[in-house]
Amino acid sequence: MSVVPYLPLLVAWVIAVASPGPDFLAVLRTSASRSRRAGLLVALGVITGQCAWLVAALAGLTALLARFEQLYLVLRLAGAAFLIVYGLTTLRGTWRRTPAEAAPAEGTGPAGGESSAPRSGWRNWRLGLFTNISNPKAVVFFGALFAGLLPAHADLVARGEVLVTMLGISVAWFALVAALASVPTAMAAYRRGRRVVDTVTGGLFVALGGALAKNP
């Protein structure tokens, strides 16, 4: 496959993936508060969701959702509910901690005993997956992206190669985020400012969920 005809699509994808959003926040916060492995598992869930939306867009799900508006509404409200609940859970956990838990002594594990009771790999992957698929507008965006930037002559093999390339870009980006956020300096900084960071993160998830529920 010659890359040149697909460069506009791939550049647009790089910009979309690297733009801060719920996926980025979930990987960043998990990596900084738990470990690189936990962040990578969240990233794997995000990429699983992206793969599902990309395949759906290539298969024409965008047109199906446009035809059955009630289905799109149900998916949108369910996604909004997940984002809001996750945000509120984050806020509740943040403000229920005592000052000692929010700012542990130097050399101790993450606040709240997360290192002693780590979240399972399944739960980390599920968090990433649900965070990504919570927004059905993604399939509309991907459909528009393919309609506008995918060459009309692209056959099934070329589309598959484009899909693999796009997912590879996502893997590289989120692996970088997880790696940088999980270095000892970043994790120590997160522990010191955990209450502020988690309050902002939880608030953003609630706001994103509210915007998704409100806007068609």
N, C-alpha and C. Protein backbone atom coordinates (compact mmCIF):
# COMPACT_ATOMS: atom_id res chain seq x y z
N MET A 1 0.84 -1.20 0.00
CA MET A 1 0.00 0.00 0.00
C MET A 1 0.87 1.25 0.00
N SER A 2 0.66 2.14 -0.97
CA SER A 2 1.35 3.42 -0.99
C SER A 2 0.74 4.33 0.08
N VAL A 3 1.58 4.89 0.94
CA VAL A 3 1.09 5.68 2.07
C VAL A 3 0.58 7.04 1.63
N VAL A 4 1.15 7.60 0.56
CA VAL A 4 0.87 8.99 0.16
C VAL A 4 -0.62 9.30 0.05
N PRO A 5 -1.43 8.48 -0.66
CA PRO A 5 -2.86 8.84 -0.77
C PRO A 5 -3.59 8.86 0.57
N TYR A 6 -3.01 8.19 1.57
CA TYR A 6 -3.69 8.07 2.86
C TYR A 6 -3.13 9.03 3.92
N LEU A 7 -2.14 9.83 3.54
CA LEU A 7 -1.52 10.73 4.51
C LEU A 7 -2.50 11.70 5.16
N PRO A 8 -3.40 12.35 4.39
CA PRO A 8 -4.36 13.26 5.05
C PRO A 8 -5.20 12.56 6.12
N LEU A 9 -5.64 11.33 5.82
CA LEU A 9 -6.43 10.57 6.79
C LEU A 9 -5.60 10.25 8.02
N LEU A 10 -4.35 9.82 7.83
CA LEU A 10 -3.52 9.43 8.96
C LEU A 10 -3.11 10.64 9.80
N VAL A 11 -2.87 11.77 9.16
CA VAL A 11 -2.54 12.99 9.91
C VAL A 11 -3.74 13.42 10.76
N ALA A 12 -4.93 13.37 10.16
CA ALA A 12 -6.14 13.71 10.91
C ALA A 12 -6.34 12.77 12.09
N TRP A 13 -5.99 11.50 11.88
CA TRP A 13 -6.13 10.52 12.96
C TRP A 13 -5.15 10.80 14.10
N VAL A 14 -3.91 11.14 13.75
CA VAL A 14 -2.91 11.47 14.78
C VAL A 14 -3.41 12.64 15.63
N ILE A 15 -3.96 13.66 14.99
CA ILE A 15 -4.46 14.82 15.72
C ILE A 15 -5.62 14.42 16.62
N ALA A 16 -6.52 13.59 16.10
CA ALA A 16 -7.68 13.17 16.88
C ALA A 16 -7.27 12.33 18.09
N VAL A 17 -6.34 11.40 17.89
CA VAL A 17 -5.91 10.51 18.97
C VAL A 17 -5.16 11.28 20.05
N ALA A 18 -4.30 12.23 19.63
CA ALA A 18 -3.47 12.96 20.59
C ALA A 18 -4.22 14.07 21.31
N SER A 19 -5.41 14.42 20.84
CA SER A 19 -6.18 15.47 21.49
C SER A 19 -6.66 14.99 22.86
N PRO A 20 -6.48 15.79 23.91
CA PRO A 20 -6.93 15.37 25.25
C PRO A 20 -8.43 15.11 25.29
N GLY A 21 -8.82 14.02 25.90
CA GLY A 21 -10.22 13.65 26.02
C GLY A 21 -10.36 12.58 27.10
N PRO A 22 -11.52 11.96 27.20
CA PRO A 22 -11.73 10.92 28.23
C PRO A 22 -10.72 9.78 28.16
N ASP A 23 -10.38 9.32 26.95
CA ASP A 23 -9.42 8.22 26.80
C ASP A 23 -8.07 8.62 27.39
N PHE A 24 -7.60 9.80 27.01
CA PHE A 24 -6.32 10.31 27.49
C PHE A 24 -6.32 10.43 29.01
N LEU A 25 -7.39 10.99 29.57
CA LEU A 25 -7.47 11.18 31.02
C LEU A 25 -7.46 9.84 31.75
N ALA A 26 -8.19 8.86 31.22
CA ALA A 26 -8.26 7.55 31.89
C ALA A 26 -6.90 6.87 31.91
N VAL A 27 -6.19 6.91 30.79
CA VAL A 27 -4.85 6.28 30.72
C VAL A 27 -3.87 7.04 31.61
N LEU A 28 -3.90 8.37 31.54
CA LEU A 28 -2.98 9.20 32.30
C LEU A 28 -3.17 8.99 33.80
N ARG A 29 -4.42 9.08 34.27
CA ARG A 29 -4.68 8.97 35.70
C ARG A 29 -4.35 7.57 36.23
N THR A 30 -4.71 6.54 35.48
CA THR A 30 -4.43 5.18 35.93
C THR A 30 -2.93 4.91 35.99
N SER A 31 -2.20 5.38 34.99
CA SER A 31 -0.75 5.17 34.97
C SER A 31 -0.07 5.88 36.13
N ALA A 32 -0.51 7.12 36.41
CA ALA A 32 0.12 7.91 37.47
C ALA A 32 -0.26 7.40 38.86
N SER A 33 -1.48 6.88 39.02
CA SER A 33 -1.93 6.47 40.34
C SER A 33 -1.64 5.01 40.65
N ARG A 34 -1.45 4.18 39.62
CA ARG A 34 -1.28 2.75 39.86
C ARG A 34 0.06 2.24 39.32
N SER A 35 0.15 2.07 38.01
CA SER A 35 1.39 1.57 37.43
C SER A 35 1.32 1.68 35.92
N ARG A 36 2.48 1.50 35.29
CA ARG A 36 2.51 1.52 33.82
C ARG A 36 1.66 0.38 33.26
N ARG A 37 1.77 -0.79 33.88
CA ARG A 37 1.00 -1.94 33.39
C ARG A 37 -0.49 -1.65 33.44
N ALA A 38 -0.96 -1.07 34.54
CA ALA A 38 -2.38 -0.74 34.66
C ALA A 38 -2.80 0.26 33.59
N GLY A 39 -1.95 1.27 33.36
CA GLY A 39 -2.25 2.24 32.32
C GLY A 39 -2.29 1.62 30.94
N LEU A 40 -1.37 0.69 30.68
CA LEU A 40 -1.36 0.02 29.37
C LEU A 40 -2.61 -0.83 29.18
N LEU A 41 -3.10 -1.43 30.26
CA LEU A 41 -4.32 -2.24 30.15
C LEU A 41 -5.53 -1.34 29.87
N VAL A 42 -5.57 -0.16 30.49
CA VAL A 42 -6.63 0.79 30.16
C VAL A 42 -6.50 1.20 28.69
N ALA A 43 -5.27 1.46 28.25
CA ALA A 43 -5.04 1.82 26.85
C ALA A 43 -5.50 0.70 25.91
N LEU A 44 -5.26 -0.54 26.30
CA LEU A 44 -5.71 -1.68 25.48
C LEU A 44 -7.22 -1.69 25.35
N GLY A 45 -7.92 -1.37 26.46
CA GLY A 45 -9.38 -1.27 26.39
C GLY A 45 -9.82 -0.15 25.47
N VAL A 46 -9.13 1.00 25.55
CA VAL A 46 -9.45 2.14 24.67
C VAL A 46 -9.29 1.72 23.21
N ILE A 47 -8.19 1.06 22.90
CA ILE A 47 -7.91 0.67 21.52
C ILE A 47 -8.90 -0.39 21.04
N THR A 48 -9.34 -1.26 21.95
CA THR A 48 -10.40 -2.22 21.59
C THR A 48 -11.67 -1.48 21.18
N GLY A 49 -12.02 -0.45 21.94
CA GLY A 49 -13.18 0.36 21.58
C GLY A 49 -12.99 1.08 20.26
N GLN A 50 -11.81 1.64 20.06
CA GLN A 50 -11.53 2.32 18.79
C GLN A 50 -11.65 1.36 17.61
N CYS A 51 -11.14 0.15 17.80
CA CYS A 51 -11.23 -0.85 16.74
C CYS A 51 -12.69 -1.14 16.40
N ALA A 52 -13.51 -1.28 17.43
CA ALA A 52 -14.94 -1.55 17.20
C ALA A 52 -15.60 -0.42 16.43
N TRP A 53 -15.32 0.85 16.84
CA TRP A 53 -15.93 1.99 16.14
C TRP A 53 -15.40 2.12 14.71
N LEU A 54 -14.10 1.88 14.51
CA LEU A 54 -13.54 1.99 13.16
C LEU A 54 -14.13 0.94 12.23
N VAL A 55 -14.23 -0.29 12.71
CA VAL A 55 -14.83 -1.35 11.90
C VAL A 55 -16.29 -1.03 11.61
N ALA A 56 -17.00 -0.53 12.62
CA ALA A 56 -18.41 -0.17 12.44
C ALA A 56 -18.56 0.93 11.41
N ALA A 57 -17.66 1.93 11.46
CA ALA A 57 -17.74 3.02 10.49
C ALA A 57 -17.46 2.51 9.08
N LEU A 58 -16.46 1.66 8.94
CA LEU A 58 -16.15 1.10 7.62
C LEU A 58 -17.28 0.22 7.12
N ALA A 59 -18.02 -0.41 8.04
CA ALA A 59 -19.13 -1.29 7.65
C ALA A 59 -20.42 -0.52 7.39
N GLY A 60 -20.42 0.78 7.64
CA GLY A 60 -21.59 1.59 7.34
C GLY A 60 -22.55 1.78 8.50
N LEU A 61 -22.07 1.59 9.75
CA LEU A 61 -22.96 1.77 10.89
C LEU A 61 -23.44 3.21 11.03
N THR A 62 -22.64 4.16 10.52
CA THR A 62 -23.04 5.56 10.59
C THR A 62 -24.40 5.77 9.94
N ALA A 63 -24.58 5.17 8.75
CA ALA A 63 -25.86 5.31 8.05
C ALA A 63 -26.99 4.64 8.83
N LEU A 64 -26.68 3.51 9.48
CA LEU A 64 -27.70 2.80 10.26
C LEU A 64 -28.17 3.65 11.44
N LEU A 65 -27.22 4.28 12.14
CA LEU A 65 -27.60 5.12 13.27
C LEU A 65 -28.37 6.35 12.82
N ALA A 66 -28.03 6.86 11.64
CA ALA A 66 -28.77 8.02 11.10
C ALA A 66 -30.21 7.64 10.78
N ARG A 67 -30.42 6.39 10.39
CA ARG A 67 -31.76 5.93 10.04
C ARG A 67 -32.58 5.61 11.28
N PHE A 68 -31.94 4.98 12.27
CA PHE A 68 -32.65 4.60 13.50
C PHE A 68 -32.20 5.54 14.63
N GLU A 69 -32.82 6.69 14.70
CA GLU A 69 -32.40 7.71 15.65
C GLU A 69 -32.58 7.27 17.10
N GLN A 70 -33.58 6.43 17.37
CA GLN A 70 -33.80 5.98 18.74
C GLN A 70 -32.64 5.13 19.25
N LEU A 71 -32.07 4.32 18.36
CA LEU A 71 -30.92 3.49 18.72
C LEU A 71 -29.74 4.38 19.09
N TYR A 72 -29.53 5.41 18.28
CA TYR A 72 -28.44 6.34 18.57
C TYR A 72 -28.67 7.06 19.90
N LEU A 73 -29.93 7.42 20.17
CA LEU A 73 -30.26 8.11 21.42
C LEU A 73 -29.96 7.22 22.63
N VAL A 74 -30.33 5.94 22.54
CA VAL A 74 -30.09 5.01 23.64
C VAL A 74 -28.59 4.86 23.89
N LEU A 75 -27.82 4.69 22.82
CA LEU A 75 -26.38 4.55 22.96
C LEU A 75 -25.75 5.81 23.56
N ARG A 76 -26.25 6.97 23.12
CA ARG A 76 -25.70 8.23 23.61
C ARG A 76 -25.99 8.44 25.09
N LEU A 77 -27.21 8.14 25.51
CA LEU A 77 -27.58 8.33 26.92
C LEU A 77 -26.85 7.32 27.82
N ALA A 78 -26.68 6.09 27.32
CA ALA A 78 -25.95 5.09 28.10
C ALA A 78 -24.50 5.52 28.26
N GLY A 79 -23.90 6.03 27.20
CA GLY A 79 -22.53 6.52 27.29
C GLY A 79 -22.40 7.70 28.22
N ALA A 80 -23.35 8.62 28.15
CA ALA A 80 -23.33 9.78 29.04
C ALA A 80 -23.44 9.35 30.50
N ALA A 81 -24.30 8.37 30.76
CA ALA A 81 -24.48 7.88 32.13
C ALA A 81 -23.18 7.28 32.66
N PHE A 82 -22.46 6.52 31.82
CA PHE A 82 -21.19 5.94 32.26
C PHE A 82 -20.19 7.03 32.62
N LEU A 83 -20.03 8.04 31.77
CA LEU A 83 -19.07 9.10 32.03
C LEU A 83 -19.41 9.85 33.31
N ILE A 84 -20.69 10.13 33.52
CA ILE A 84 -21.10 10.87 34.71
C ILE A 84 -20.86 10.03 35.97
N VAL A 85 -21.23 8.75 35.93
CA VAL A 85 -21.04 7.89 37.09
C VAL A 85 -19.56 7.74 37.42
N TYR A 86 -18.73 7.55 36.39
CA TYR A 86 -17.29 7.43 36.63
C TYR A 86 -16.74 8.71 37.24
N GLY A 87 -17.17 9.86 36.71
CA GLY A 87 -16.72 11.14 37.25
C GLY A 87 -17.13 11.33 38.69
N LEU A 88 -18.39 11.02 39.00
CA LEU A 88 -18.87 11.17 40.37
C LEU A 88 -18.17 10.20 41.33
N THR A 89 -17.89 8.99 40.85
CA THR A 89 -17.17 8.02 41.67
C THR A 89 -15.77 8.52 42.00
N THR A 90 -15.11 9.11 40.99
CA THR A 90 -13.79 9.68 41.21
C THR A 90 -13.83 10.81 42.23
N LEU A 91 -14.83 11.69 42.09
CA LEU A 91 -14.96 12.81 43.03
C LEU A 91 -15.26 12.32 44.44
N ARG A 92 -16.13 11.35 44.56
CA ARG A 92 -16.48 10.84 45.88
C ARG A 92 -15.27 10.20 46.55
N GLY A 93 -14.52 9.39 45.78
CA GLY A 93 -13.34 8.76 46.35
C GLY A 93 -12.28 9.78 46.76
N THR A 94 -12.19 10.87 45.98
CA THR A 94 -11.19 11.90 46.29
C THR A 94 -11.52 12.62 47.59
N TRP A 95 -12.75 13.03 47.75
CA TRP A 95 -13.10 13.87 48.89
C TRP A 95 -13.45 13.07 50.14
N ARG A 96 -13.56 11.75 50.02
CA ARG A 96 -13.76 10.91 51.21
C ARG A 96 -12.44 10.55 51.86
N ARG A 97 -11.32 10.76 51.16
CA ARG A 97 -10.02 10.44 51.74
C ARG A 97 -9.66 11.47 52.81
N THR A 98 -8.96 11.00 53.80
CA THR A 98 -8.43 11.90 54.82
C THR A 98 -7.21 12.61 54.25
N PRO A 99 -6.78 13.72 54.84
CA PRO A 99 -5.57 14.39 54.36
C PRO A 99 -4.37 13.46 54.29
N ALA A 100 -4.24 12.55 55.26
CA ALA A 100 -3.10 11.62 55.26
C ALA A 100 -3.15 10.69 54.07
N GLU A 101 -4.35 10.27 53.70
CA GLU A 101 -4.49 9.37 52.55
C GLU A 101 -4.26 10.13 51.26
N ALA A 102 -4.69 11.38 51.22
CA ALA A 102 -4.54 12.17 50.00
C ALA A 102 -3.08 12.53 49.74
N ALA A 103 -2.27 12.65 50.80
CA ALA A 103 -0.87 13.02 50.64
C ALA A 103 -0.01 12.12 51.52
N PRO A 104 0.28 10.89 51.10
CA PRO A 104 1.03 9.94 51.90
C PRO A 104 2.46 10.38 52.09
N ALA A 105 3.07 9.84 53.12
CA ALA A 105 4.46 10.19 53.38
C ALA A 105 5.36 9.73 52.26
N GLU A 106 6.48 10.45 52.10
CA GLU A 106 7.43 10.11 51.04
C GLU A 106 7.92 8.69 51.22
N GLY A 107 7.91 7.93 50.10
CA GLY A 107 8.39 6.57 50.13
C GLY A 107 7.31 5.54 50.33
N THR A 108 6.06 6.00 50.61
CA THR A 108 4.96 5.05 50.73
C THR A 108 4.33 4.84 49.38
N GLY A 109 3.36 3.89 49.31
CA GLY A 109 2.70 3.61 48.05
C GLY A 109 1.69 4.68 47.73
N PRO A 110 0.98 4.56 46.59
CA PRO A 110 -0.03 5.51 46.20
C PRO A 110 -1.08 5.66 47.26
N ALA A 111 -1.75 6.83 47.23
CA ALA A 111 -2.77 7.11 48.23
C ALA A 111 -3.89 6.12 48.17
N GLY A 112 -4.49 5.89 49.35
CA GLY A 112 -5.66 5.01 49.38
C GLY A 112 -5.30 3.54 49.32
N GLY A 113 -3.98 3.21 49.38
CA GLY A 113 -3.59 1.80 49.38
C GLY A 113 -3.76 1.12 48.06
N GLU A 114 -3.65 1.88 46.94
CA GLU A 114 -3.90 1.28 45.65
C GLU A 114 -2.83 0.26 45.29
N SER A 115 -1.60 0.48 45.74
CA SER A 115 -0.56 -0.49 45.38
C SER A 115 -0.74 -1.80 46.11
N SER A 116 -1.36 -1.76 47.31
CA SER A 116 -1.55 -2.99 48.07
C SER A 116 -2.80 -3.74 47.63
N ALA A 117 -3.70 -3.05 46.98
CA ALA A 117 -4.91 -3.69 46.48
C ALA A 117 -5.15 -3.24 45.04
N PRO A 118 -4.32 -3.69 44.10
CA PRO A 118 -4.40 -3.20 42.73
C PRO A 118 -5.67 -3.67 42.04
N ARG A 119 -6.14 -2.82 41.16
CA ARG A 119 -7.30 -3.18 40.35
C ARG A 119 -6.91 -4.30 39.40
N SER A 120 -7.79 -5.24 39.16
CA SER A 120 -7.48 -6.36 38.29
C SER A 120 -7.29 -5.89 36.85
N GLY A 121 -6.55 -6.71 36.08
CA GLY A 121 -6.34 -6.38 34.68
C GLY A 121 -7.65 -6.26 33.92
N TRP A 122 -8.59 -7.12 34.24
CA TRP A 122 -9.89 -7.08 33.58
C TRP A 122 -10.59 -5.74 33.84
N ARG A 123 -10.55 -5.27 35.06
CA ARG A 123 -11.21 -4.00 35.39
C ARG A 123 -10.53 -2.82 34.71
N ASN A 124 -9.21 -2.86 34.60
CA ASN A 124 -8.50 -1.79 33.90
C ASN A 124 -8.88 -1.78 32.42
N TRP A 125 -8.86 -2.96 31.80
CA TRP A 125 -9.24 -3.05 30.39
C TRP A 125 -10.68 -2.58 30.18
N ARG A 126 -11.56 -3.00 31.08
CA ARG A 126 -12.98 -2.63 30.96
C ARG A 126 -13.17 -1.13 31.11
N LEU A 127 -12.40 -0.49 32.00
CA LEU A 127 -12.48 0.96 32.14
C LEU A 127 -12.13 1.65 30.83
N GLY A 128 -11.03 1.22 30.19
CA GLY A 128 -10.65 1.81 28.92
C GLY A 128 -11.68 1.57 27.84
N LEU A 129 -12.22 0.36 27.78
CA LEU A 129 -13.22 0.04 26.77
C LEU A 129 -14.47 0.88 26.95
N PHE A 130 -15.00 0.92 28.17
CA PHE A 130 -16.24 1.65 28.41
C PHE A 130 -16.05 3.15 28.22
N THR A 131 -14.86 3.65 28.59
CA THR A 131 -14.59 5.08 28.39
C THR A 131 -14.64 5.43 26.92
N ASN A 132 -14.08 4.56 26.08
CA ASN A 132 -14.05 4.84 24.65
C ASN A 132 -15.41 4.66 23.99
N ILE A 133 -16.07 3.54 24.26
CA ILE A 133 -17.33 3.29 23.56
C ILE A 133 -18.50 4.06 24.15
N SER A 134 -18.25 4.84 25.22
CA SER A 134 -19.34 5.61 25.83
C SER A 134 -19.84 6.72 24.92
N ASN A 135 -19.07 7.08 23.90
CA ASN A 135 -19.47 8.16 23.01
C ASN A 135 -19.77 7.64 21.62
N PRO A 136 -21.06 7.41 21.29
CA PRO A 136 -21.39 6.90 19.96
C PRO A 136 -21.14 7.92 18.85
N LYS A 137 -20.86 9.18 19.25
CA LYS A 137 -20.51 10.16 18.23
C LYS A 137 -19.21 9.80 17.52
N ALA A 138 -18.44 8.90 18.15
CA ALA A 138 -17.18 8.48 17.55
C ALA A 138 -17.42 7.83 16.19
N VAL A 139 -18.44 7.00 16.10
CA VAL A 139 -18.69 6.33 14.82
C VAL A 139 -19.12 7.32 13.76
N VAL A 140 -19.82 8.39 14.18
CA VAL A 140 -20.19 9.44 13.23
C VAL A 140 -18.94 10.18 12.76
N PHE A 141 -18.04 10.47 13.71
CA PHE A 141 -16.79 11.14 13.36
C PHE A 141 -15.96 10.28 12.42
N PHE A 142 -15.83 8.98 12.76
CA PHE A 142 -15.03 8.09 11.92
C PHE A 142 -15.66 7.96 10.53
N GLY A 143 -16.99 7.89 10.50
CA GLY A 143 -17.67 7.81 9.20
C GLY A 143 -17.39 9.02 8.35
N ALA A 144 -17.42 10.21 8.97
CA ALA A 144 -17.13 11.44 8.23
C ALA A 144 -15.67 11.47 7.80
N LEU A 145 -14.79 10.97 8.67
CA LEU A 145 -13.37 10.94 8.37
C LEU A 145 -13.10 10.06 7.15
N PHE A 146 -13.70 8.88 7.15
CA PHE A 146 -13.51 7.97 6.02
C PHE A 146 -14.15 8.51 4.74
N ALA A 147 -15.34 9.10 4.89
CA ALA A 147 -16.04 9.62 3.72
C ALA A 147 -15.27 10.76 3.07
N GLY A 148 -14.61 11.58 3.91
CA GLY A 148 -13.91 12.74 3.37
C GLY A 148 -12.47 12.49 2.97
N LEU A 149 -11.79 11.54 3.64
CA LEU A 149 -10.35 11.41 3.45
C LEU A 149 -9.89 10.04 2.97
N LEU A 150 -10.76 9.04 3.05
CA LEU A 150 -10.36 7.72 2.55
C LEU A 150 -10.54 7.68 1.04
N PRO A 151 -9.46 7.42 0.27
CA PRO A 151 -9.59 7.38 -1.20
C PRO A 151 -10.69 6.42 -1.65
N ALA A 152 -11.46 6.85 -2.63
CA ALA A 152 -12.59 6.04 -3.09
C ALA A 152 -12.15 4.72 -3.70
N HIS A 153 -10.90 4.68 -4.21
CA HIS A 153 -10.42 3.46 -4.87
C HIS A 153 -9.89 2.42 -3.89
N ALA A 154 -9.90 2.73 -2.60
CA ALA A 154 -9.34 1.80 -1.61
C ALA A 154 -10.15 0.51 -1.57
N ASP A 155 -9.49 -0.61 -1.81
CA ASP A 155 -10.18 -1.90 -1.77
C ASP A 155 -10.19 -2.44 -0.34
N LEU A 156 -10.70 -3.65 -0.16
CA LEU A 156 -10.83 -4.23 1.17
C LEU A 156 -9.48 -4.40 1.85
N VAL A 157 -8.48 -4.84 1.09
CA VAL A 157 -7.14 -5.03 1.66
C VAL A 157 -6.56 -3.69 2.11
N ALA A 158 -6.69 -2.66 1.28
CA ALA A 158 -6.17 -1.34 1.62
C ALA A 158 -6.88 -0.79 2.85
N ARG A 159 -8.19 -1.00 2.95
CA ARG A 159 -8.93 -0.53 4.12
C ARG A 159 -8.45 -1.25 5.38
N GLY A 160 -8.17 -2.54 5.24
CA GLY A 160 -7.65 -3.28 6.39
C GLY A 160 -6.29 -2.77 6.81
N GLU A 161 -5.44 -2.44 5.84
CA GLU A 161 -4.11 -1.90 6.17
C GLU A 161 -4.22 -0.54 6.83
N VAL A 162 -5.16 0.27 6.37
CA VAL A 162 -5.39 1.58 6.98
C VAL A 162 -5.85 1.40 8.43
N LEU A 163 -6.76 0.46 8.64
CA LEU A 163 -7.26 0.19 9.99
C LEU A 163 -6.12 -0.22 10.92
N VAL A 164 -5.26 -1.13 10.47
CA VAL A 164 -4.14 -1.59 11.29
C VAL A 164 -3.18 -0.44 11.58
N THR A 165 -2.94 0.40 10.58
CA THR A 165 -2.04 1.55 10.77
C THR A 165 -2.61 2.52 11.79
N MET A 166 -3.90 2.80 11.71
CA MET A 166 -4.53 3.73 12.64
C MET A 166 -4.48 3.19 14.07
N LEU A 167 -4.72 1.90 14.22
CA LEU A 167 -4.66 1.30 15.55
C LEU A 167 -3.22 1.28 16.07
N GLY A 168 -2.26 1.09 15.16
CA GLY A 168 -0.85 1.14 15.55
C GLY A 168 -0.46 2.52 16.08
N ILE A 169 -1.00 3.55 15.46
CA ILE A 169 -0.75 4.92 15.93
C ILE A 169 -1.31 5.10 17.34
N SER A 170 -2.51 4.57 17.56
CA SER A 170 -3.12 4.65 18.89
C SER A 170 -2.29 3.92 19.93
N VAL A 171 -1.80 2.72 19.58
CA VAL A 171 -0.97 1.94 20.50
C VAL A 171 0.27 2.74 20.88
N ALA A 172 0.95 3.32 19.88
CA ALA A 172 2.17 4.08 20.15
C ALA A 172 1.90 5.29 21.04
N TRP A 173 0.80 6.01 20.78
CA TRP A 173 0.51 7.21 21.55
C TRP A 173 0.18 6.88 23.01
N PHE A 174 -0.73 5.94 23.21
CA PHE A 174 -1.14 5.64 24.58
C PHE A 174 -0.05 4.92 25.37
N ALA A 175 0.81 4.15 24.68
CA ALA A 175 1.96 3.55 25.35
C ALA A 175 2.90 4.64 25.84
N LEU A 176 3.08 5.69 25.03
CA LEU A 176 3.92 6.81 25.43
C LEU A 176 3.32 7.54 26.64
N VAL A 177 2.01 7.77 26.61
CA VAL A 177 1.34 8.42 27.74
C VAL A 177 1.52 7.60 29.01
N ALA A 178 1.28 6.29 28.92
CA ALA A 178 1.41 5.42 30.09
C ALA A 178 2.84 5.41 30.61
N ALA A 179 3.81 5.40 29.69
CA ALA A 179 5.21 5.35 30.11
C ALA A 179 5.62 6.64 30.82
N LEU A 180 5.24 7.77 30.27
CA LEU A 180 5.63 9.06 30.87
C LEU A 180 4.91 9.30 32.19
N ALA A 181 3.64 8.90 32.27
CA ALA A 181 2.87 9.16 33.49
C ALA A 181 3.26 8.23 34.63
N SER A 182 3.93 7.13 34.33
CA SER A 182 4.24 6.15 35.38
C SER A 182 5.68 6.22 35.86
N VAL A 183 6.46 7.20 35.38
CA VAL A 183 7.82 7.35 35.91
C VAL A 183 7.71 7.82 37.36
N PRO A 184 8.68 7.47 38.21
CA PRO A 184 8.59 7.81 39.64
C PRO A 184 8.32 9.28 39.92
N THR A 185 8.96 10.17 39.16
CA THR A 185 8.76 11.61 39.38
C THR A 185 7.31 12.00 39.14
N ALA A 186 6.74 11.50 38.05
CA ALA A 186 5.34 11.83 37.72
C ALA A 186 4.39 11.24 38.75
N MET A 187 4.66 10.01 39.20
CA MET A 187 3.79 9.39 40.19
C MET A 187 3.86 10.12 41.53
N ALA A 188 5.07 10.58 41.90
CA ALA A 188 5.21 11.33 43.14
C ALA A 188 4.48 12.66 43.05
N ALA A 189 4.57 13.31 41.88
CA ALA A 189 3.87 14.58 41.69
C ALA A 189 2.36 14.37 41.75
N TYR A 190 1.91 13.27 41.18
CA TYR A 190 0.47 12.97 41.24
C TYR A 190 0.01 12.76 42.67
N ARG A 191 0.79 12.03 43.47
CA ARG A 191 0.40 11.79 44.85
C ARG A 191 0.31 13.09 45.64
N ARG A 192 1.24 14.02 45.37
CA ARG A 192 1.22 15.29 46.10
C ARG A 192 0.00 16.12 45.72
N GLY A 193 -0.38 16.08 44.46
CA GLY A 193 -1.51 16.90 44.02
C GLY A 193 -2.73 16.08 43.68
N ARG A 194 -2.83 14.90 44.29
CA ARG A 194 -3.88 13.95 43.91
C ARG A 194 -5.28 14.53 44.03
N ARG A 195 -5.56 15.21 45.15
CA ARG A 195 -6.91 15.71 45.36
C ARG A 195 -7.31 16.69 44.27
N VAL A 196 -6.39 17.58 43.90
CA VAL A 196 -6.68 18.56 42.85
C VAL A 196 -6.85 17.86 41.50
N VAL A 197 -5.90 16.96 41.18
CA VAL A 197 -5.94 16.27 39.89
C VAL A 197 -7.22 15.45 39.75
N ASP A 198 -7.57 14.69 40.78
CA ASP A 198 -8.76 13.84 40.70
C ASP A 198 -10.04 14.67 40.69
N THR A 199 -10.02 15.81 41.37
CA THR A 199 -11.20 16.68 41.33
C THR A 199 -11.41 17.22 39.92
N VAL A 200 -10.33 17.66 39.29
CA VAL A 200 -10.43 18.17 37.91
C VAL A 200 -10.84 17.05 36.96
N THR A 201 -10.20 15.88 37.12
CA THR A 201 -10.53 14.75 36.23
C THR A 201 -11.98 14.32 36.39
N GLY A 202 -12.43 14.14 37.64
CA GLY A 202 -13.82 13.75 37.88
C GLY A 202 -14.79 14.78 37.35
N GLY A 203 -14.46 16.06 37.57
CA GLY A 203 -15.33 17.13 37.06
C GLY A 203 -15.42 17.13 35.54
N LEU A 204 -14.29 16.86 34.87
CA LEU A 204 -14.30 16.82 33.41
C LEU A 204 -15.14 15.66 32.89
N PHE A 205 -15.05 14.51 33.55
CA PHE A 205 -15.87 13.37 33.11
C PHE A 205 -17.36 13.67 33.28
N VAL A 206 -17.72 14.29 34.40
CA VAL A 206 -19.12 14.65 34.61
C VAL A 206 -19.57 15.66 33.54
N ALA A 207 -18.73 16.65 33.26
CA ALA A 207 -19.06 17.67 32.27
C ALA A 207 -19.20 17.07 30.87
N LEU A 208 -18.28 16.16 30.53
CA LEU A 208 -18.34 15.51 29.22
C LEU A 208 -19.59 14.65 29.09
N GLY A 209 -19.92 13.94 30.18
CA GLY A 209 -21.15 13.14 30.17
C GLY A 209 -22.39 14.01 30.02
N GLY A 210 -22.42 15.14 30.74
CA GLY A 210 -23.55 16.05 30.64
C GLY A 210 -23.68 16.63 29.24
N ALA A 211 -22.54 16.98 28.63
CA ALA A 211 -22.57 17.52 27.27
C ALA A 211 -23.04 16.47 26.28
N LEU A 212 -22.62 15.23 26.48
CA LEU A 212 -23.04 14.15 25.57
C LEU A 212 -24.53 13.89 25.69
N ALA A 213 -25.06 13.94 26.91
CA ALA A 213 -26.49 13.72 27.11
C ALA A 213 -27.33 14.86 26.55
N LYS A 214 -26.79 16.06 26.61
CA LYS A 214 -27.56 17.25 26.20
C LYS A 214 -27.54 17.46 24.71
N ASN A 215 -26.37 17.27 24.08
CA ASN A 215 -26.24 17.60 22.67
C ASN A 215 -26.47 16.39 21.79
N PRO A 216 -27.34 16.52 20.80
CA PRO A 216 -27.59 15.39 19.88
C PRO A 216 -26.41 15.13 18.97
